[in-house]
């Protein structure tokens, strides 16, 4: 197995990079999150890799962190999830955000990803929830009251035309030490974030 590659970035598209490693060009498919962290053409990059073997092709997938690669492998173990869908999931979420969504059993958020329907989201949660371990998200299952308010705020943002990922990112960072949180407070906070990102 090819564990990682280090070489010069020879080419870059919206879905893959070509890495020149000692004169050999390797094409690697990446999530948009990883692609955004790959340096410019001509610079050196190191990527963790996963080799997917099919009857008609060998495909390399690249990751900027071992945690993302590990989660990619977990996703592939879920019934009905192939490499393309797994990359779409990792493009919509950071590693920690996806784990949080799984711990919270947030079917609505996960099913908003292209290629993932409600049944697939439920299956993904069912198959992965007991296998993922992050100390900081272990306590999230105790925060169901707050998560319902977040869900209402996210739904309101999506009704305004924002994607599920945009809505989730806009809601991140809200102070958790404020006690009772209203949907209105969350919406105002999220809209301020969205407005500042558009400047």
C-alpha atoms as a PDB file:
ATOM      1  CA  UNK A   1       0.000   0.000   0.000  1.00  0.00           C
ATOM      2  CA  UNK A   2       1.168   3.552  -0.749  1.00  0.00           C
ATOM      3  CA  UNK A   3       0.929   5.309   2.622  1.00  0.00           C
ATOM      4  CA  UNK A   4       1.917   8.817   1.526  1.00  0.00           C
ATOM      5  CA  UNK A   5       3.512  10.763  -1.329  1.00  0.00           C
ATOM      6  CA  UNK A   6       5.756  13.795  -1.232  1.00  0.00           C
ATOM      7  CA  UNK A   7       6.533  15.716  -4.393  1.00  0.00           C
ATOM      8  CA  UNK A   8       6.061  18.841  -6.467  1.00  0.00           C
ATOM      9  CA  UNK A   9       2.534  19.922  -7.372  1.00  0.00           C
ATOM     10  CA  UNK A  10       2.491  19.575 -11.160  1.00  0.00           C
ATOM     11  CA  UNK A  11      -1.204  20.247 -11.776  1.00  0.00           C
ATOM     12  CA  UNK A  12      -4.390  21.064  -9.918  1.00  0.00           C
ATOM     13  CA  UNK A  13      -8.119  20.924 -10.793  1.00  0.00           C
ATOM     14  CA  UNK A  14     -11.293  21.274  -8.743  1.00  0.00           C
ATOM     15  CA  UNK A  15     -11.193  17.571  -7.855  1.00  0.00           C
ATOM     16  CA  UNK A  16      -7.618  16.319  -8.044  1.00  0.00           C
ATOM     17  CA  UNK A  17      -3.910  17.156  -8.034  1.00  0.00           C
ATOM     18  CA  UNK A  18      -0.998  15.708  -9.975  1.00  0.00           C
ATOM     19  CA  UNK A  19       2.071  15.177  -7.820  1.00  0.00           C
ATOM     20  CA  UNK A  20       5.489  14.799  -9.452  1.00  0.00           C
ATOM     21  CA  UNK A  21       7.412  12.315  -7.317  1.00  0.00           C
ATOM     22  CA  UNK A  22      10.907  11.757  -8.739  1.00  0.00           C
ATOM     23  CA  UNK A  23       9.712  12.180 -12.315  1.00  0.00           C
ATOM     24  CA  UNK A  24       6.544  10.087 -11.950  1.00  0.00           C
ATOM     25  CA  UNK A  25       3.190  11.909 -11.993  1.00  0.00           C
ATOM     26  CA  UNK A  26       0.593  10.610  -9.546  1.00  0.00           C
ATOM     27  CA  UNK A  27      -3.026  11.740  -9.921  1.00  0.00           C
ATOM     28  CA  UNK A  28      -4.812  11.964  -6.567  1.00  0.00           C
ATOM     29  CA  UNK A  29      -8.466  12.728  -5.955  1.00  0.00           C
ATOM     30  CA  UNK A  30      -9.072  14.985  -2.942  1.00  0.00           C
ATOM     31  CA  UNK A  31     -11.947  16.482  -0.996  1.00  0.00           C
ATOM     32  CA  UNK A  32     -12.427  20.217  -1.477  1.00  0.00           C
ATOM     33  CA  UNK A  33     -11.286  20.695   2.133  1.00  0.00           C
ATOM     34  CA  UNK A  34      -7.945  19.015   1.367  1.00  0.00           C
ATOM     35  CA  UNK A  35      -7.617  20.694  -2.034  1.00  0.00           C
ATOM     36  CA  UNK A  36      -7.843  24.113  -0.408  1.00  0.00           C
ATOM     37  CA  UNK A  37      -4.784  23.237   1.721  1.00  0.00           C
ATOM     38  CA  UNK A  38      -2.590  21.962  -1.133  1.00  0.00           C
ATOM     39  CA  UNK A  39       0.104  24.507  -2.042  1.00  0.00           C
ATOM     40  CA  UNK A  40       0.353  26.184  -5.440  1.00  0.00           C
ATOM     41  CA  UNK A  41       1.695  24.537  -8.600  1.00  0.00           C
ATOM     42  CA  UNK A  42       5.469  24.201  -8.418  1.00  0.00           C
ATOM     43  CA  UNK A  43       5.574  23.925  -4.639  1.00  0.00           C
ATOM     44  CA  UNK A  44       6.157  20.754  -2.612  1.00  0.00           C
ATOM     45  CA  UNK A  45       3.270  18.909  -0.992  1.00  0.00           C
ATOM     46  CA  UNK A  46       2.935  15.834   1.206  1.00  0.00           C
ATOM     47  CA  UNK A  47      -0.282  13.842   1.041  1.00  0.00           C
ATOM     48  CA  UNK A  48      -1.487  10.740   2.838  1.00  0.00           C
ATOM     49  CA  UNK A  49      -2.964   8.298   0.348  1.00  0.00           C
ATOM     50  CA  UNK A  50      -5.498   5.536  -0.105  1.00  0.00           C
ATOM     51  CA  UNK A  51      -5.343   3.200  -3.116  1.00  0.00           C
ATOM     52  CA  UNK A  52      -8.779   2.085  -4.299  1.00  0.00           C
ATOM     53  CA  UNK A  53      -8.671  -1.069  -6.409  1.00  0.00           C
ATOM     54  CA  UNK A  54     -11.400  -1.761  -8.968  1.00  0.00           C
ATOM     55  CA  UNK A  55     -11.651  -4.353 -11.724  1.00  0.00           C
ATOM     56  CA  UNK A  56     -11.004  -1.717 -14.381  1.00  0.00           C
ATOM     57  CA  UNK A  57      -8.882   0.875 -12.578  1.00  0.00           C
ATOM     58  CA  UNK A  58      -6.541   1.791  -9.728  1.00  0.00           C
ATOM     59  CA  UNK A  59      -7.393   5.157  -8.176  1.00  0.00           C
ATOM     60  CA  UNK A  60      -5.382   7.130  -5.634  1.00  0.00           C
ATOM     61  CA  UNK A  61      -7.106   9.357  -3.086  1.00  0.00           C
ATOM     62  CA  UNK A  62      -5.179  12.006  -1.180  1.00  0.00           C
ATOM     63  CA  UNK A  63      -5.602  13.581   2.258  1.00  0.00           C
ATOM     64  CA  UNK A  64      -3.802  16.349   4.101  1.00  0.00           C
ATOM     65  CA  UNK A  65      -4.200  14.629   7.494  1.00  0.00           C
ATOM     66  CA  UNK A  66      -4.186  10.978   8.633  1.00  0.00           C
ATOM     67  CA  UNK A  67      -7.475  11.671  10.456  1.00  0.00           C
ATOM     68  CA  UNK A  68      -9.226  12.507   7.187  1.00  0.00           C
ATOM     69  CA  UNK A  69      -7.861   9.346   5.560  1.00  0.00           C
ATOM     70  CA  UNK A  70      -9.027   7.257   8.514  1.00  0.00           C
ATOM     71  CA  UNK A  71     -12.521   8.736   8.291  1.00  0.00           C
ATOM     72  CA  UNK A  72     -12.544   8.110   4.515  1.00  0.00           C
ATOM     73  CA  UNK A  73     -11.826   4.428   5.210  1.00  0.00           C
ATOM     74  CA  UNK A  74     -14.602   4.319   7.803  1.00  0.00           C
ATOM     75  CA  UNK A  75     -17.014   5.828   5.284  1.00  0.00           C
ATOM     76  CA  UNK A  76     -16.078   3.215   2.675  1.00  0.00           C
ATOM     77  CA  UNK A  77     -17.054   0.504   5.154  1.00  0.00           C
ATOM     78  CA  UNK A  78     -20.658   1.790   5.198  1.00  0.00           C
ATOM     79  CA  UNK A  79     -22.996  -0.117   2.911  1.00  0.00           C
ATOM     80  CA  UNK A  80     -23.647   1.803  -0.301  1.00  0.00           C
ATOM     81  CA  UNK A  81     -20.878   4.396   0.209  1.00  0.00           C
ATOM     82  CA  UNK A  82     -18.182   4.401  -2.472  1.00  0.00           C
ATOM     83  CA  UNK A  83     -15.124   6.648  -2.887  1.00  0.00           C
ATOM     84  CA  UNK A  84     -16.979   9.426  -4.766  1.00  0.00           C
ATOM     85  CA  UNK A  85     -19.695   9.692  -2.115  1.00  0.00           C
ATOM     86  CA  UNK A  86     -17.104   9.491   0.674  1.00  0.00           C
ATOM     87  CA  UNK A  87     -15.211  12.419  -0.904  1.00  0.00           C
ATOM     88  CA  UNK A  88     -18.454  14.386  -1.262  1.00  0.00           C
ATOM     89  CA  UNK A  89     -19.088  13.880   2.462  1.00  0.00           C
ATOM     90  CA  UNK A  90     -15.553  14.982   3.374  1.00  0.00           C
ATOM     91  CA  UNK A  91     -15.962  18.006   1.087  1.00  0.00           C
ATOM     92  CA  UNK A  92     -19.093  19.087   2.954  1.00  0.00           C
ATOM     93  CA  UNK A  93     -17.675  18.577   6.460  1.00  0.00           C
ATOM     94  CA  UNK A  94     -14.441  18.846   8.352  1.00  0.00           C
ATOM     95  CA  UNK A  95     -13.482  15.632  10.163  1.00  0.00           C
ATOM     96  CA  UNK A  96     -14.686  16.894  13.556  1.00  0.00           C
ATOM     97  CA  UNK A  97     -17.887  18.396  12.130  1.00  0.00           C
ATOM     98  CA  UNK A  98     -18.879  15.090  10.537  1.00  0.00           C
ATOM     99  CA  UNK A  99     -18.168  13.200  13.734  1.00  0.00           C
ATOM    100  CA  UNK A 100     -20.288  15.700  15.652  1.00  0.00           C
ATOM    101  CA  UNK A 101     -23.148  15.263  13.168  1.00  0.00           C
ATOM    102  CA  UNK A 102     -22.934  11.484  13.584  1.00  0.00           C
ATOM    103  CA  UNK A 103     -22.855  11.662  17.395  1.00  0.00           C
ATOM    104  CA  UNK A 104     -25.846  14.032  17.332  1.00  0.00           C
ATOM    105  CA  UNK A 105     -27.610  11.676  14.870  1.00  0.00           C
ATOM    106  CA  UNK A 106     -28.252  14.687  12.632  1.00  0.00           C
ATOM    107  CA  UNK A 107     -29.928  12.870   9.722  1.00  0.00           C
ATOM    108  CA  UNK A 108     -31.207  16.102   8.180  1.00  0.00           C
ATOM    109  CA  UNK A 109     -27.761  17.681   7.920  1.00  0.00           C
ATOM    110  CA  UNK A 110     -26.017  14.577   6.585  1.00  0.00           C
ATOM    111  CA  UNK A 111     -28.770  13.835   4.058  1.00  0.00           C
ATOM    112  CA  UNK A 112     -28.322  17.340   2.573  1.00  0.00           C
ATOM    113  CA  UNK A 113     -25.017  16.172   1.038  1.00  0.00           C
ATOM    114  CA  UNK A 114     -25.313  15.368  -2.697  1.00  0.00           C
ATOM    115  CA  UNK A 115     -25.524  11.595  -3.153  1.00  0.00           C
ATOM    116  CA  UNK A 116     -26.751  10.969   0.405  1.00  0.00           C
ATOM    117  CA  UNK A 117     -30.455  10.448   0.982  1.00  0.00           C
ATOM    118  CA  UNK A 118     -32.239  10.105   4.299  1.00  0.00           C
ATOM    119  CA  UNK A 119     -31.911   6.309   4.410  1.00  0.00           C
ATOM    120  CA  UNK A 120     -28.198   6.484   3.569  1.00  0.00           C
ATOM    121  CA  UNK A 121     -27.672   9.090   6.291  1.00  0.00           C
ATOM    122  CA  UNK A 122     -29.479   6.907   8.838  1.00  0.00           C
ATOM    123  CA  UNK A 123     -27.390   3.883   7.819  1.00  0.00           C
ATOM    124  CA  UNK A 124     -24.166   5.899   8.024  1.00  0.00           C
ATOM    125  CA  UNK A 125     -25.035   7.048  11.549  1.00  0.00           C
ATOM    126  CA  UNK A 126     -26.062   3.548  12.624  1.00  0.00           C
ATOM    127  CA  UNK A 127     -22.907   1.893  11.302  1.00  0.00           C
ATOM    128  CA  UNK A 128     -20.378   4.512  12.419  1.00  0.00           C
ATOM    129  CA  UNK A 129     -21.648   6.006  15.669  1.00  0.00           C
ATOM    130  CA  UNK A 130     -20.237   3.294  17.904  1.00  0.00           C
ATOM    131  CA  UNK A 131     -16.935   3.113  16.033  1.00  0.00           C
ATOM    132  CA  UNK A 132     -15.863   6.767  16.097  1.00  0.00           C
ATOM    133  CA  UNK A 133     -14.000   8.037  19.123  1.00  0.00           C
ATOM    134  CA  UNK A 134     -13.289  11.673  19.847  1.00  0.00           C
ATOM    135  CA  UNK A 135     -13.150  12.728  23.519  1.00  0.00           C
ATOM    136  CA  UNK A 136     -14.465  16.201  22.738  1.00  0.00           C
ATOM    137  CA  UNK A 137     -17.571  14.903  20.949  1.00  0.00           C
ATOM    138  CA  UNK A 138     -18.395  12.194  23.473  1.00  0.00           C
ATOM    139  CA  UNK A 139     -20.282  14.747  25.555  1.00  0.00           C
ATOM    140  CA  UNK A 140     -22.406  15.928  22.623  1.00  0.00           C
ATOM    141  CA  UNK A 141     -24.954  13.183  23.198  1.00  0.00           C
ATOM    142  CA  UNK A 142     -25.774  15.003  26.458  1.00  0.00           C
ATOM    143  CA  UNK A 143     -26.606  18.229  24.596  1.00  0.00           C
ATOM    144  CA  UNK A 144     -29.775  17.199  22.773  1.00  0.00           C
ATOM    145  CA  UNK A 145     -31.708  20.233  24.032  1.00  0.00           C
ATOM    146  CA  UNK A 146     -29.271  22.666  22.473  1.00  0.00           C
ATOM    147  CA  UNK A 147     -28.999  20.655  19.243  1.00  0.00           C
ATOM    148  CA  UNK A 148     -32.736  20.999  18.544  1.00  0.00           C
ATOM    149  CA  UNK A 149     -32.392  24.807  18.691  1.00  0.00           C
ATOM    150  CA  UNK A 150     -29.415  24.598  16.326  1.00  0.00           C
ATOM    151  CA  UNK A 151     -31.476  22.401  14.001  1.00  0.00           C
ATOM    152  CA  UNK A 152     -34.267  25.004  13.892  1.00  0.00           C
ATOM    153  CA  UNK A 153     -31.792  27.799  13.154  1.00  0.00           C
ATOM    154  CA  UNK A 154     -30.119  25.741  10.437  1.00  0.00           C
ATOM    155  CA  UNK A 155     -33.462  24.942   8.842  1.00  0.00           C
ATOM    156  CA  UNK A 156     -34.336  28.648   8.802  1.00  0.00           C
ATOM    157  CA  UNK A 157     -31.017  29.487   7.105  1.00  0.00           C
ATOM    158  CA  UNK A 158     -31.553  26.779   4.491  1.00  0.00           C
ATOM    159  CA  UNK A 159     -35.023  28.216   3.826  1.00  0.00           C
ATOM    160  CA  UNK A 160     -33.241  31.498   3.046  1.00  0.00           C
ATOM    161  CA  UNK A 161     -31.267  29.719   0.326  1.00  0.00           C
ATOM    162  CA  UNK A 162     -28.050  28.789   2.116  1.00  0.00           C
ATOM    163  CA  UNK A 163     -26.644  25.259   1.739  1.00  0.00           C
ATOM    164  CA  UNK A 164     -26.503  22.876   4.706  1.00  0.00           C
ATOM    165  CA  UNK A 165     -22.719  23.285   4.898  1.00  0.00           C
ATOM    166  CA  UNK A 166     -22.929  27.102   4.767  1.00  0.00           C
ATOM    167  CA  UNK A 167     -25.595  27.121   7.472  1.00  0.00           C
ATOM    168  CA  UNK A 168     -23.570  24.811   9.701  1.00  0.00           C
ATOM    169  CA  UNK A 169     -20.359  26.832   9.279  1.00  0.00           C
ATOM    170  CA  UNK A 170     -22.209  30.073  10.026  1.00  0.00           C
ATOM    171  CA  UNK A 171     -23.530  28.657  13.307  1.00  0.00           C
ATOM    172  CA  UNK A 172     -20.151  27.393  14.506  1.00  0.00           C
ATOM    173  CA  UNK A 173     -18.383  29.274  17.261  1.00  0.00           C
ATOM    174  CA  UNK A 174     -21.484  30.480  19.109  1.00  0.00           C
ATOM    175  CA  UNK A 175     -20.577  30.787  22.833  1.00  0.00           C
ATOM    176  CA  UNK A 176     -21.757  27.684  24.703  1.00  0.00           C
ATOM    177  CA  UNK A 177     -21.665  29.322  28.129  1.00  0.00           C
ATOM    178  CA  UNK A 178     -24.718  31.520  27.563  1.00  0.00           C
ATOM    179  CA  UNK A 179     -27.217  29.131  29.134  1.00  0.00           C
ATOM    180  CA  UNK A 180     -30.534  28.992  27.280  1.00  0.00           C
ATOM    181  CA  UNK A 181     -30.108  29.759  23.589  1.00  0.00           C
ATOM    182  CA  UNK A 182     -32.946  31.015  21.409  1.00  0.00           C
ATOM    183  CA  UNK A 183     -33.304  30.307  17.702  1.00  0.00           C
ATOM    184  CA  UNK A 184     -33.442  34.069  17.081  1.00  0.00           C
ATOM    185  CA  UNK A 185     -30.064  34.617  18.791  1.00  0.00           C
ATOM    186  CA  UNK A 186     -28.499  31.873  16.717  1.00  0.00           C
ATOM    187  CA  UNK A 187     -29.946  33.247  13.483  1.00  0.00           C
ATOM    188  CA  UNK A 188     -28.617  36.754  14.167  1.00  0.00           C
ATOM    189  CA  UNK A 189     -25.189  35.319  14.957  1.00  0.00           C
ATOM    190  CA  UNK A 190     -25.168  33.173  11.798  1.00  0.00           C
ATOM    191  CA  UNK A 191     -26.322  35.999   9.522  1.00  0.00           C
ATOM    192  CA  UNK A 192     -23.573  38.259  10.877  1.00  0.00           C
ATOM    193  CA  UNK A 193     -21.022  35.538  10.075  1.00  0.00           C
ATOM    194  CA  UNK A 194     -22.404  35.067   6.576  1.00  0.00           C
ATOM    195  CA  UNK A 195     -22.360  38.824   5.922  1.00  0.00           C
ATOM    196  CA  UNK A 196     -18.737  39.181   7.093  1.00  0.00           C
ATOM    197  CA  UNK A 197     -17.638  36.244   4.892  1.00  0.00           C
ATOM    198  CA  UNK A 198     -19.103  37.937   1.820  1.00  0.00           C
ATOM    199  CA  UNK A 199     -17.069  41.125   2.253  1.00  0.00           C
END
